[in-house]
Structures are given as structure tokens and as C-alpha cells.
Amino acid sequence: MNETIRRLIHKRRESNDYGGGLLGVLLRAKGDRIKKLTDSQIIDNLIGVIFAAHDTTASVLTWVLKYLHDNVNLLEAVTVIYLIICSLIFFVEFFSCSRFLLYFFVNFFFV
């Protein structure tokens, strides 16, 4: 993983296009109180964020699933809300598509 990130850093520094995302922010990091970060510091920060985010997300999802399992009433309420949201999304997409088809039909045949 270190070598992959090191190659990305080298590629971005060579092109003078630091890009976006956390890597771009770390490559541009410098100022009155911050010196330019070394490649090793950037790699350490990226790996720390990747693993910390993965661990945190996995932990939260595990606890949410356990909580929903232990509280069936809440699980049923969340399921109903989810189905309502899905229905609304379907309705909005269908309505938008219908408006487009109506617009196309009217303009194609009557204009």
C-alpha cells in the first residue's frame, strides 16, 4: 500500500496537478505553521484515515444492525420509512420521465 500511494504522490507532484480529495489537500498543505509534508507523513495520514474510517464504519453498522434486531418495533418503523422513500423516489422519477415523454410527443407531433 505504501508503494502505491508513493507512486500516486510522485505522479501528482510531477504533473503539478495535486488533484482533489484528501491526497490533494495533504500535498498542498503548507503555511505559516505547517511545513510541506514529506511523502512518509502523507502516506501515514492517508493510511490512518483509510483504516480508521473502515473500522468506524464497520463498528457503527454492526451496532445499528444489533440495535434494530433487538428492537423489532424500530426495525418495522425504519422499514416503513424506507418503503415510503423508495415509493416517493419512484413517483418522482416516473413523473419526470412522463413529463419528458409528453414534451417530446407534443413537440414532435404538434409543432
N, C-alpha and C. Protein backbone atom coordinates (compact mmCIF):
# COMPACT_ATOMS: atom_id res chain seq x y z
N MET A 1 0.82 -1.18 0.00
CA MET A 1 0.00 0.00 0.00
C MET A 1 0.88 1.26 0.00
N ASN A 2 1.97 1.21 0.76
CA ASN A 2 2.87 2.36 0.81
C ASN A 2 3.38 2.73 -0.58
N GLU A 3 3.81 1.72 -1.33
CA GLU A 3 4.37 1.99 -2.66
C GLU A 3 3.32 2.53 -3.62
N THR A 4 2.10 2.04 -3.53
CA THR A 4 1.03 2.53 -4.39
C THR A 4 0.77 4.00 -4.12
N ILE A 5 0.67 4.36 -2.86
CA ILE A 5 0.43 5.77 -2.50
C ILE A 5 1.63 6.61 -2.88
N ARG A 6 2.84 6.08 -2.69
CA ARG A 6 4.05 6.81 -3.05
C ARG A 6 4.07 7.11 -4.55
N ARG A 7 3.65 6.14 -5.37
CA ARG A 7 3.59 6.38 -6.83
C ARG A 7 2.55 7.45 -7.16
N LEU A 8 1.41 7.43 -6.48
CA LEU A 8 0.40 8.47 -6.71
C LEU A 8 0.94 9.85 -6.34
N ILE A 9 1.62 9.94 -5.22
CA ILE A 9 2.20 11.21 -4.79
C ILE A 9 3.20 11.70 -5.83
N HIS A 10 4.09 10.81 -6.27
CA HIS A 10 5.10 11.18 -7.25
C HIS A 10 4.45 11.66 -8.56
N LYS A 11 3.44 10.94 -9.00
CA LYS A 11 2.75 11.29 -10.24
C LYS A 11 2.10 12.67 -10.13
N ARG A 12 1.43 12.92 -9.02
CA ARG A 12 0.76 14.22 -8.84
C ARG A 12 1.76 15.36 -8.69
N ARG A 13 2.85 15.11 -8.00
CA ARG A 13 3.86 16.17 -7.84
C ARG A 13 4.54 16.47 -9.17
N GLU A 14 4.79 15.45 -9.99
CA GLU A 14 5.42 15.67 -11.30
C GLU A 14 4.54 16.50 -12.21
N SER A 15 3.23 16.25 -12.17
CA SER A 15 2.31 16.95 -13.07
C SER A 15 1.91 18.32 -12.54
N ASN A 16 2.31 18.65 -11.31
CA ASN A 16 1.91 19.91 -10.65
C ASN A 16 0.40 20.04 -10.54
N ASP A 17 -0.32 18.92 -10.70
CA ASP A 17 -1.77 18.89 -10.51
C ASP A 17 -2.02 17.98 -9.32
N TYR A 18 -2.20 18.61 -8.15
CA TYR A 18 -2.33 17.83 -6.94
C TYR A 18 -3.68 17.13 -6.84
N GLY A 19 -4.63 17.52 -7.65
CA GLY A 19 -5.93 16.87 -7.66
C GLY A 19 -6.74 17.19 -6.43
N GLY A 20 -7.83 16.48 -6.29
CA GLY A 20 -8.74 16.71 -5.17
C GLY A 20 -8.58 15.65 -4.10
N GLY A 21 -9.55 15.60 -3.25
CA GLY A 21 -9.56 14.61 -2.19
C GLY A 21 -8.53 14.90 -1.12
N LEU A 22 -8.42 13.98 -0.20
CA LEU A 22 -7.51 14.15 0.93
C LEU A 22 -6.06 14.21 0.47
N LEU A 23 -5.70 13.40 -0.53
CA LEU A 23 -4.33 13.42 -1.03
C LEU A 23 -3.97 14.80 -1.57
N GLY A 24 -4.86 15.41 -2.34
CA GLY A 24 -4.61 16.75 -2.86
C GLY A 24 -4.44 17.77 -1.74
N VAL A 25 -5.27 17.67 -0.72
CA VAL A 25 -5.18 18.60 0.42
C VAL A 25 -3.84 18.43 1.12
N LEU A 26 -3.43 17.19 1.35
CA LEU A 26 -2.16 16.95 2.04
C LEU A 26 -0.96 17.39 1.20
N LEU A 27 -1.05 17.22 -0.12
CA LEU A 27 0.04 17.66 -0.98
C LEU A 27 0.19 19.18 -0.99
N ARG A 28 -0.92 19.88 -0.84
CA ARG A 28 -0.88 21.35 -0.85
C ARG A 28 -0.63 21.94 0.54
N ALA A 29 -0.62 21.11 1.56
CA ALA A 29 -0.53 21.59 2.94
C ALA A 29 0.82 22.26 3.21
N LYS A 30 0.77 23.54 3.43
CA LYS A 30 1.93 24.31 3.88
C LYS A 30 1.43 25.70 4.24
N GLY A 31 2.13 26.34 5.11
CA GLY A 31 1.71 27.66 5.55
C GLY A 31 2.63 28.18 6.62
N ASP A 32 2.15 29.15 7.38
CA ASP A 32 2.97 29.76 8.43
C ASP A 32 3.34 28.75 9.50
N ARG A 33 2.37 27.93 9.90
CA ARG A 33 2.60 26.99 11.00
C ARG A 33 2.88 25.57 10.50
N ILE A 34 2.68 25.32 9.21
CA ILE A 34 2.84 23.96 8.67
C ILE A 34 3.92 23.98 7.59
N LYS A 35 4.90 23.11 7.74
CA LYS A 35 5.90 22.93 6.68
C LYS A 35 5.34 21.94 5.68
N LYS A 36 5.92 21.92 4.50
CA LYS A 36 5.50 20.96 3.48
C LYS A 36 5.66 19.55 4.05
N LEU A 37 4.62 18.74 3.90
CA LEU A 37 4.65 17.38 4.44
C LEU A 37 5.54 16.48 3.58
N THR A 38 6.25 15.58 4.24
CA THR A 38 7.05 14.60 3.50
C THR A 38 6.13 13.52 2.94
N ASP A 39 6.67 12.76 1.98
CA ASP A 39 5.89 11.66 1.43
C ASP A 39 5.47 10.67 2.52
N SER A 40 6.38 10.38 3.43
CA SER A 40 6.09 9.43 4.52
C SER A 40 4.97 9.95 5.42
N GLN A 41 4.97 11.25 5.71
CA GLN A 41 3.90 11.83 6.54
C GLN A 41 2.56 11.76 5.83
N ILE A 42 2.57 12.03 4.52
CA ILE A 42 1.32 11.96 3.75
C ILE A 42 0.80 10.53 3.72
N ILE A 43 1.70 9.58 3.48
CA ILE A 43 1.29 8.17 3.44
C ILE A 43 0.72 7.73 4.79
N ASP A 44 1.39 8.10 5.87
CA ASP A 44 0.90 7.74 7.21
C ASP A 44 -0.48 8.32 7.47
N ASN A 45 -0.70 9.56 7.08
CA ASN A 45 -2.02 10.19 7.27
C ASN A 45 -3.09 9.48 6.45
N LEU A 46 -2.80 9.19 5.19
CA LEU A 46 -3.79 8.51 4.34
C LEU A 46 -4.14 7.13 4.86
N ILE A 47 -3.13 6.35 5.21
CA ILE A 47 -3.39 5.00 5.72
C ILE A 47 -4.17 5.07 7.03
N GLY A 48 -3.84 6.02 7.89
CA GLY A 48 -4.58 6.19 9.14
C GLY A 48 -6.04 6.49 8.90
N VAL A 49 -6.32 7.38 7.96
CA VAL A 49 -7.72 7.73 7.66
C VAL A 49 -8.45 6.55 7.05
N ILE A 50 -7.80 5.85 6.12
CA ILE A 50 -8.45 4.70 5.47
C ILE A 50 -8.86 3.65 6.50
N PHE A 51 -7.92 3.27 7.36
CA PHE A 51 -8.23 2.22 8.33
C PHE A 51 -9.14 2.70 9.45
N ALA A 52 -8.99 3.94 9.86
CA ALA A 52 -9.88 4.47 10.90
C ALA A 52 -11.31 4.56 10.38
N ALA A 53 -11.48 5.02 9.16
CA ALA A 53 -12.83 5.14 8.59
C ALA A 53 -13.45 3.77 8.42
N HIS A 54 -12.66 2.80 7.96
CA HIS A 54 -13.19 1.45 7.76
C HIS A 54 -13.63 0.85 9.08
N ASP A 55 -12.80 0.97 10.08
CA ASP A 55 -13.10 0.40 11.39
C ASP A 55 -14.32 1.07 12.01
N THR A 56 -14.39 2.39 11.93
CA THR A 56 -15.52 3.13 12.49
C THR A 56 -16.81 2.75 11.79
N THR A 57 -16.79 2.72 10.47
CA THR A 57 -17.99 2.38 9.71
C THR A 57 -18.46 0.97 10.03
N ALA A 58 -17.55 0.03 10.05
CA ALA A 58 -17.92 -1.35 10.36
C ALA A 58 -18.51 -1.46 11.76
N SER A 59 -17.92 -0.76 12.70
CA SER A 59 -18.40 -0.79 14.07
C SER A 59 -19.81 -0.21 14.17
N VAL A 60 -20.02 0.94 13.55
CA VAL A 60 -21.34 1.58 13.60
C VAL A 60 -22.39 0.70 12.95
N LEU A 61 -22.09 0.14 11.79
CA LEU A 61 -23.07 -0.72 11.12
C LEU A 61 -23.40 -1.95 11.96
N THR A 62 -22.41 -2.51 12.60
CA THR A 62 -22.64 -3.66 13.47
C THR A 62 -23.60 -3.32 14.61
N TRP A 63 -23.35 -2.19 15.27
CA TRP A 63 -24.21 -1.80 16.38
C TRP A 63 -25.61 -1.42 15.92
N VAL A 64 -25.73 -0.78 14.76
CA VAL A 64 -27.06 -0.43 14.23
C VAL A 64 -27.85 -1.70 13.95
N LEU A 65 -27.22 -2.67 13.30
CA LEU A 65 -27.92 -3.93 13.00
C LEU A 65 -28.33 -4.66 14.28
N LYS A 66 -27.45 -4.68 15.26
CA LYS A 66 -27.80 -5.32 16.54
C LYS A 66 -28.97 -4.59 17.21
N TYR A 67 -28.92 -3.25 17.20
CA TYR A 67 -29.97 -2.46 17.83
C TYR A 67 -31.31 -2.70 17.13
N LEU A 68 -31.29 -2.73 15.79
CA LEU A 68 -32.53 -2.99 15.05
C LEU A 68 -33.03 -4.41 15.31
N HIS A 69 -32.11 -5.36 15.43
CA HIS A 69 -32.50 -6.73 15.73
C HIS A 69 -33.16 -6.82 17.10
N ASP A 70 -32.62 -6.10 18.07
CA ASP A 70 -33.14 -6.15 19.43
C ASP A 70 -34.42 -5.34 19.62
N ASN A 71 -34.72 -4.44 18.70
CA ASN A 71 -35.89 -3.56 18.80
C ASN A 71 -36.73 -3.70 17.53
N VAL A 72 -37.55 -4.75 17.49
CA VAL A 72 -38.31 -5.09 16.30
C VAL A 72 -39.26 -3.95 15.90
N ASN A 73 -39.84 -3.25 16.86
CA ASN A 73 -40.74 -2.14 16.53
C ASN A 73 -40.01 -1.05 15.75
N LEU A 74 -38.79 -0.77 16.16
CA LEU A 74 -37.99 0.23 15.46
C LEU A 74 -37.63 -0.27 14.06
N LEU A 75 -37.28 -1.54 13.95
CA LEU A 75 -36.97 -2.13 12.64
C LEU A 75 -38.16 -2.00 11.70
N GLU A 76 -39.35 -2.28 12.20
CA GLU A 76 -40.56 -2.16 11.37
C GLU A 76 -40.79 -0.71 10.96
N ALA A 77 -40.58 0.23 11.86
CA ALA A 77 -40.76 1.65 11.53
C ALA A 77 -39.74 2.10 10.48
N VAL A 78 -38.49 1.68 10.64
CA VAL A 78 -37.46 2.03 9.66
C VAL A 78 -37.79 1.42 8.30
N THR A 79 -38.29 0.20 8.30
CA THR A 79 -38.67 -0.47 7.04
C THR A 79 -39.79 0.29 6.35
N VAL A 80 -40.79 0.73 7.10
CA VAL A 80 -41.90 1.50 6.51
C VAL A 80 -41.39 2.81 5.92
N ILE A 81 -40.55 3.50 6.67
CA ILE A 81 -39.99 4.77 6.17
C ILE A 81 -39.18 4.52 4.90
N TYR A 82 -38.40 3.47 4.89
CA TYR A 82 -37.60 3.12 3.71
C TYR A 82 -38.51 2.87 2.50
N LEU A 83 -39.59 2.12 2.69
CA LEU A 83 -40.51 1.83 1.59
C LEU A 83 -41.21 3.10 1.09
N ILE A 84 -41.56 4.00 2.01
CA ILE A 84 -42.17 5.27 1.61
C ILE A 84 -41.19 6.08 0.78
N ILE A 85 -39.94 6.16 1.22
CA ILE A 85 -38.93 6.92 0.47
C ILE A 85 -38.73 6.31 -0.91
N CYS A 86 -38.65 4.99 -0.99
CA CYS A 86 -38.49 4.33 -2.29
C CYS A 86 -39.67 4.62 -3.20
N SER A 87 -40.88 4.61 -2.64
CA SER A 87 -42.07 4.91 -3.44
C SER A 87 -42.05 6.35 -3.94
N LEU A 88 -41.64 7.28 -3.08
CA LEU A 88 -41.57 8.68 -3.49
C LEU A 88 -40.53 8.87 -4.60
N ILE A 89 -39.40 8.22 -4.46
CA ILE A 89 -38.36 8.32 -5.49
C ILE A 89 -38.89 7.77 -6.81
N PHE A 90 -39.57 6.63 -6.76
CA PHE A 90 -40.14 6.05 -7.97
C PHE A 90 -41.14 7.01 -8.60
N PHE A 91 -42.01 7.60 -7.77
CA PHE A 91 -43.02 8.52 -8.28
C PHE A 91 -42.37 9.73 -8.94
N VAL A 92 -41.38 10.31 -8.29
CA VAL A 92 -40.70 11.50 -8.84
C VAL A 92 -40.02 11.15 -10.16
N GLU A 93 -39.32 10.02 -10.21
CA GLU A 93 -38.65 9.62 -11.44
C GLU A 93 -39.66 9.33 -12.54
N PHE A 94 -40.75 8.65 -12.20
CA PHE A 94 -41.77 8.34 -13.19
C PHE A 94 -42.40 9.62 -13.70
N PHE A 95 -42.71 10.55 -12.78
CA PHE A 95 -43.32 11.82 -13.17
C PHE A 95 -42.39 12.61 -14.08
N SER A 96 -41.12 12.67 -13.75
CA SER A 96 -40.15 13.39 -14.57
C SER A 96 -40.05 12.76 -15.94
N CYS A 97 -40.03 11.45 -15.99
CA CYS A 97 -39.96 10.74 -17.26
C CYS A 97 -41.23 10.98 -18.07
N SER A 98 -42.38 10.98 -17.40
CA SER A 98 -43.66 11.21 -18.09
C SER A 98 -43.71 12.61 -18.66
N ARG A 99 -43.22 13.60 -17.92
CA ARG A 99 -43.19 14.97 -18.43
C ARG A 99 -42.32 15.06 -19.66
N PHE A 100 -41.17 14.38 -19.63
CA PHE A 100 -40.27 14.39 -20.78
C PHE A 100 -40.95 13.77 -21.99
N LEU A 101 -41.60 12.62 -21.79
CA LEU A 101 -42.28 11.95 -22.91
C LEU A 101 -43.42 12.80 -23.46
N LEU A 102 -44.18 13.44 -22.57
CA LEU A 102 -45.26 14.32 -23.01
C LEU A 102 -44.70 15.49 -23.80
N TYR A 103 -43.63 16.10 -23.30
CA TYR A 103 -42.99 17.22 -24.00
C TYR A 103 -42.52 16.77 -25.39
N PHE A 104 -41.88 15.61 -25.46
CA PHE A 104 -41.39 15.08 -26.72
C PHE A 104 -42.55 14.81 -27.67
N PHE A 105 -43.61 14.19 -27.18
CA PHE A 105 -44.77 13.84 -28.00
C PHE A 105 -45.43 15.11 -28.58
N VAL A 106 -45.67 16.08 -27.71
CA VAL A 106 -46.32 17.33 -28.12
C VAL A 106 -45.46 18.05 -29.16
N ASN A 107 -44.16 18.17 -28.89
CA ASN A 107 -43.30 18.89 -29.82
C ASN A 107 -43.06 18.14 -31.12
N PHE A 108 -43.06 16.84 -31.08
CA PHE A 108 -42.80 16.06 -32.28
C PHE A 108 -44.02 16.03 -33.20
N PHE A 109 -45.20 15.87 -32.65
CA PHE A 109 -46.39 15.69 -33.47
C PHE A 109 -47.18 16.98 -33.71
N PHE A 110 -47.06 17.97 -32.87
CA PHE A 110 -47.92 19.14 -33.00
C PHE A 110 -47.16 20.42 -33.30
N VAL A 111 -45.89 20.38 -33.45
CA VAL A 111 -45.14 21.62 -33.73
C VAL A 111 -44.58 21.56 -35.12
